[in-house]
């Protein structure tokens, strides 16, 4: 039986996010298609983003950025050994700090499209959104962050074991929402 699947995404409401220092670098993340990028990647400079007039949010171990989830050096050291089979860590630089963008490359075809409540694009029939998730049994995934073919690397999912790893090490910034 498949374990609980969670939506895994940075908590951008509670913590600061990052943006590219040079907007032209944003094109590097335009093709979020779960394909490896490390072999042609170069470290990208980013900066924290504060909303004008808003309260300055704290910086987390895991942060949001358009197209990617960024891990602090500490989060990278804790998670890298267990997540490297699910994706790749791409180097980023923020001032003197090293960050690691996690590019999900593991896709698991586990969404039961017939039993799930889906919203489709009228023109193509592709899945636009999922209102109610129903997953097929894929066995025990252990510690894993993954994508599903319907969304490639755009949306990320995880297991309870992954959430527990983050919680047990006191890593901040990642939000886990139960889908099933």
Protein backbone atom coordinates (compact mmCIF):
# COMPACT_ATOMS: atom_id res chain seq x y z
CA UNK A 1 0.00 0.00 0.00
CA UNK A 2 1.24 3.47 -0.83
CA UNK A 3 2.04 5.66 2.14
CA UNK A 4 0.78 9.16 2.63
CA UNK A 5 1.73 11.55 -0.16
CA UNK A 6 2.31 15.18 0.77
CA UNK A 7 2.46 18.38 -1.22
CA UNK A 8 5.97 19.71 -0.52
CA UNK A 9 6.57 23.38 -1.15
CA UNK A 10 8.41 26.30 0.45
CA UNK A 11 6.35 28.33 2.91
CA UNK A 12 6.53 31.64 1.04
CA UNK A 13 3.91 33.24 3.30
CA UNK A 14 6.06 32.85 6.41
CA UNK A 15 9.64 33.06 5.07
CA UNK A 16 11.61 35.23 2.67
CA UNK A 17 11.98 34.22 -0.95
CA UNK A 18 14.84 34.69 -3.40
CA UNK A 19 14.96 36.29 -6.84
CA UNK A 20 17.62 36.32 -9.55
CA UNK A 21 20.09 39.21 -9.34
CA UNK A 22 20.16 39.22 -13.13
CA UNK A 23 16.66 38.70 -14.54
CA UNK A 24 18.10 37.11 -17.69
CA UNK A 25 19.07 34.10 -15.53
CA UNK A 26 15.38 33.35 -15.01
CA UNK A 27 15.33 31.72 -18.45
CA UNK A 28 17.50 28.93 -17.02
CA UNK A 29 14.50 27.74 -15.02
CA UNK A 30 11.96 28.20 -17.80
CA UNK A 31 12.13 24.52 -18.75
CA UNK A 32 11.08 22.85 -15.52
CA UNK A 33 10.67 19.47 -17.13
CA UNK A 34 12.43 17.17 -14.63
CA UNK A 35 15.50 16.82 -16.84
CA UNK A 36 19.00 17.03 -15.36
CA UNK A 37 20.69 20.44 -15.69
CA UNK A 38 23.84 20.04 -13.59
CA UNK A 39 26.22 19.21 -16.45
CA UNK A 40 25.64 22.62 -18.07
CA UNK A 41 24.86 24.59 -14.92
CA UNK A 42 26.89 27.51 -13.61
CA UNK A 43 26.40 29.03 -10.15
CA UNK A 44 23.69 31.70 -10.32
CA UNK A 45 23.60 34.83 -8.16
CA UNK A 46 20.38 35.50 -6.26
CA UNK A 47 19.22 37.94 -3.61
CA UNK A 48 16.50 37.92 -0.98
CA UNK A 49 13.27 39.66 -1.83
CA UNK A 50 11.34 41.78 0.65
CA UNK A 51 7.86 43.02 -0.17
CA UNK A 52 7.65 46.81 -0.14
CA UNK A 53 6.03 48.09 3.01
CA UNK A 54 5.72 44.59 4.39
CA UNK A 55 7.19 43.09 7.51
CA UNK A 56 10.63 41.63 6.85
CA UNK A 57 10.29 37.85 6.91
CA UNK A 58 12.93 35.52 8.37
CA UNK A 59 15.24 33.47 6.17
CA UNK A 60 14.58 29.72 6.31
CA UNK A 61 16.66 26.62 5.67
CA UNK A 62 14.45 25.90 2.65
CA UNK A 63 13.22 28.88 0.64
CA UNK A 64 11.12 29.60 -2.37
CA UNK A 65 12.21 31.03 -5.67
CA UNK A 66 10.47 31.19 -9.02
CA UNK A 67 10.96 27.78 -10.56
CA UNK A 68 12.93 26.15 -7.76
CA UNK A 69 13.27 25.35 -4.07
CA UNK A 70 16.50 26.61 -2.48
CA UNK A 71 18.29 24.81 0.35
CA UNK A 72 20.70 26.46 2.78
CA UNK A 73 24.13 24.87 3.25
CA UNK A 74 22.84 23.20 6.42
CA UNK A 75 19.72 21.84 4.72
CA UNK A 76 21.88 20.60 1.84
CA UNK A 77 24.25 18.75 4.21
CA UNK A 78 21.33 17.05 5.98
CA UNK A 79 19.29 16.11 2.90
CA UNK A 80 21.80 15.59 0.08
CA UNK A 81 22.72 11.99 0.91
CA UNK A 82 19.07 10.96 0.96
CA UNK A 83 17.61 13.11 -1.83
CA UNK A 84 20.32 12.75 -4.49
CA UNK A 85 18.38 9.88 -6.10
CA UNK A 86 15.33 12.13 -6.48
CA UNK A 87 16.96 15.10 -8.14
CA UNK A 88 20.05 17.22 -8.29
CA UNK A 89 21.34 20.12 -6.26
CA UNK A 90 22.30 23.13 -8.38
CA UNK A 91 24.66 25.76 -6.89
CA UNK A 92 23.47 29.31 -6.24
CA UNK A 93 25.20 32.25 -4.54
CA UNK A 94 23.62 34.92 -2.34
CA UNK A 95 26.31 37.37 -1.21
CA UNK A 96 28.88 35.15 0.50
CA UNK A 97 26.35 32.40 1.19
CA UNK A 98 26.08 29.21 -0.88
CA UNK A 99 22.60 27.92 -1.61
CA UNK A 100 21.47 24.80 -3.43
CA UNK A 101 18.50 24.68 -5.79
CA UNK A 102 16.80 21.30 -5.85
CA UNK A 103 15.88 20.24 -9.38
CA UNK A 104 13.45 17.32 -9.14
CA UNK A 105 14.35 14.68 -11.74
CA UNK A 106 12.43 11.71 -10.36
CA UNK A 107 8.94 11.35 -11.78
CA UNK A 108 6.62 8.70 -10.38
CA UNK A 109 3.52 7.83 -12.38
CA UNK A 110 1.25 7.34 -9.37
CA UNK A 111 -1.70 9.70 -9.92
CA UNK A 112 -4.87 7.71 -10.64
CA UNK A 113 -6.41 10.02 -13.23
CA UNK A 114 -9.67 8.06 -13.35
CA UNK A 115 -10.29 8.25 -9.59
CA UNK A 116 -8.86 11.77 -9.02
CA UNK A 117 -10.89 14.91 -9.57
CA UNK A 118 -9.02 16.75 -12.33
CA UNK A 119 -9.32 20.04 -14.18
CA UNK A 120 -8.08 19.78 -17.77
CA UNK A 121 -7.06 22.32 -20.38
CA UNK A 122 -9.93 22.36 -22.89
CA UNK A 123 -7.61 22.72 -25.87
CA UNK A 124 -5.27 19.80 -25.10
CA UNK A 125 -6.93 17.68 -22.43
CA UNK A 126 -3.75 17.89 -20.32
CA UNK A 127 -4.15 18.11 -16.56
CA UNK A 128 -4.28 21.74 -15.40
CA UNK A 129 -5.06 21.11 -11.73
CA UNK A 130 -6.02 18.37 -9.29
CA UNK A 131 -8.92 19.09 -6.95
CA UNK A 132 -8.87 15.66 -5.28
CA UNK A 133 -5.83 13.40 -5.42
CA UNK A 134 -6.06 9.61 -5.56
CA UNK A 135 -2.75 7.79 -5.87
CA UNK A 136 -1.97 4.30 -7.10
CA UNK A 137 0.11 1.96 -4.98
CA UNK A 138 3.82 2.34 -5.76
CA UNK A 139 5.21 0.74 -2.60
CA UNK A 140 7.41 2.31 0.03
CA UNK A 141 9.31 5.25 -1.42
CA UNK A 142 11.31 6.01 1.74
CA UNK A 143 12.76 9.53 1.81
CA UNK A 144 11.80 11.05 -1.50
CA UNK A 145 10.80 14.31 -3.16
CA UNK A 146 9.36 13.66 -6.60
CA UNK A 147 7.21 14.94 -9.40
CA UNK A 148 4.42 13.30 -11.35
CA UNK A 149 4.32 13.17 -15.17
CA UNK A 150 1.24 15.40 -15.32
CA UNK A 151 3.23 18.33 -13.84
CA UNK A 152 6.84 17.27 -14.50
CA UNK A 153 8.98 19.16 -12.00
CA UNK A 154 6.57 22.07 -11.54
CA UNK A 155 4.84 20.64 -8.48
CA UNK A 156 6.71 18.59 -5.91
CA UNK A 157 5.46 15.84 -3.67
CA UNK A 158 7.04 13.94 -0.83
CA UNK A 159 6.63 11.12 1.61
CA UNK A 160 6.06 11.29 5.35
CA UNK A 161 9.63 10.00 5.80
CA UNK A 162 10.87 13.12 4.01
CA UNK A 163 8.77 15.39 6.22
CA UNK A 164 10.08 13.55 9.28
CA UNK A 165 13.69 14.03 8.11
CA UNK A 166 13.13 17.79 7.81
CA UNK A 167 11.33 17.97 11.17
CA UNK A 168 13.82 15.78 13.05
CA UNK A 169 16.69 18.05 11.94
CA UNK A 170 14.78 21.26 12.70
CA UNK A 171 14.88 22.45 9.09
CA UNK A 172 12.60 25.45 8.57
CA UNK A 173 10.76 26.74 5.55
CA UNK A 174 9.18 23.68 3.94
CA UNK A 175 5.43 23.23 4.10
CA UNK A 176 4.00 19.72 3.89
CA UNK A 177 0.29 19.29 3.19
CA UNK A 178 -1.36 15.89 3.24
CA UNK A 179 -2.96 14.99 -0.08
CA UNK A 180 -3.95 11.42 0.73
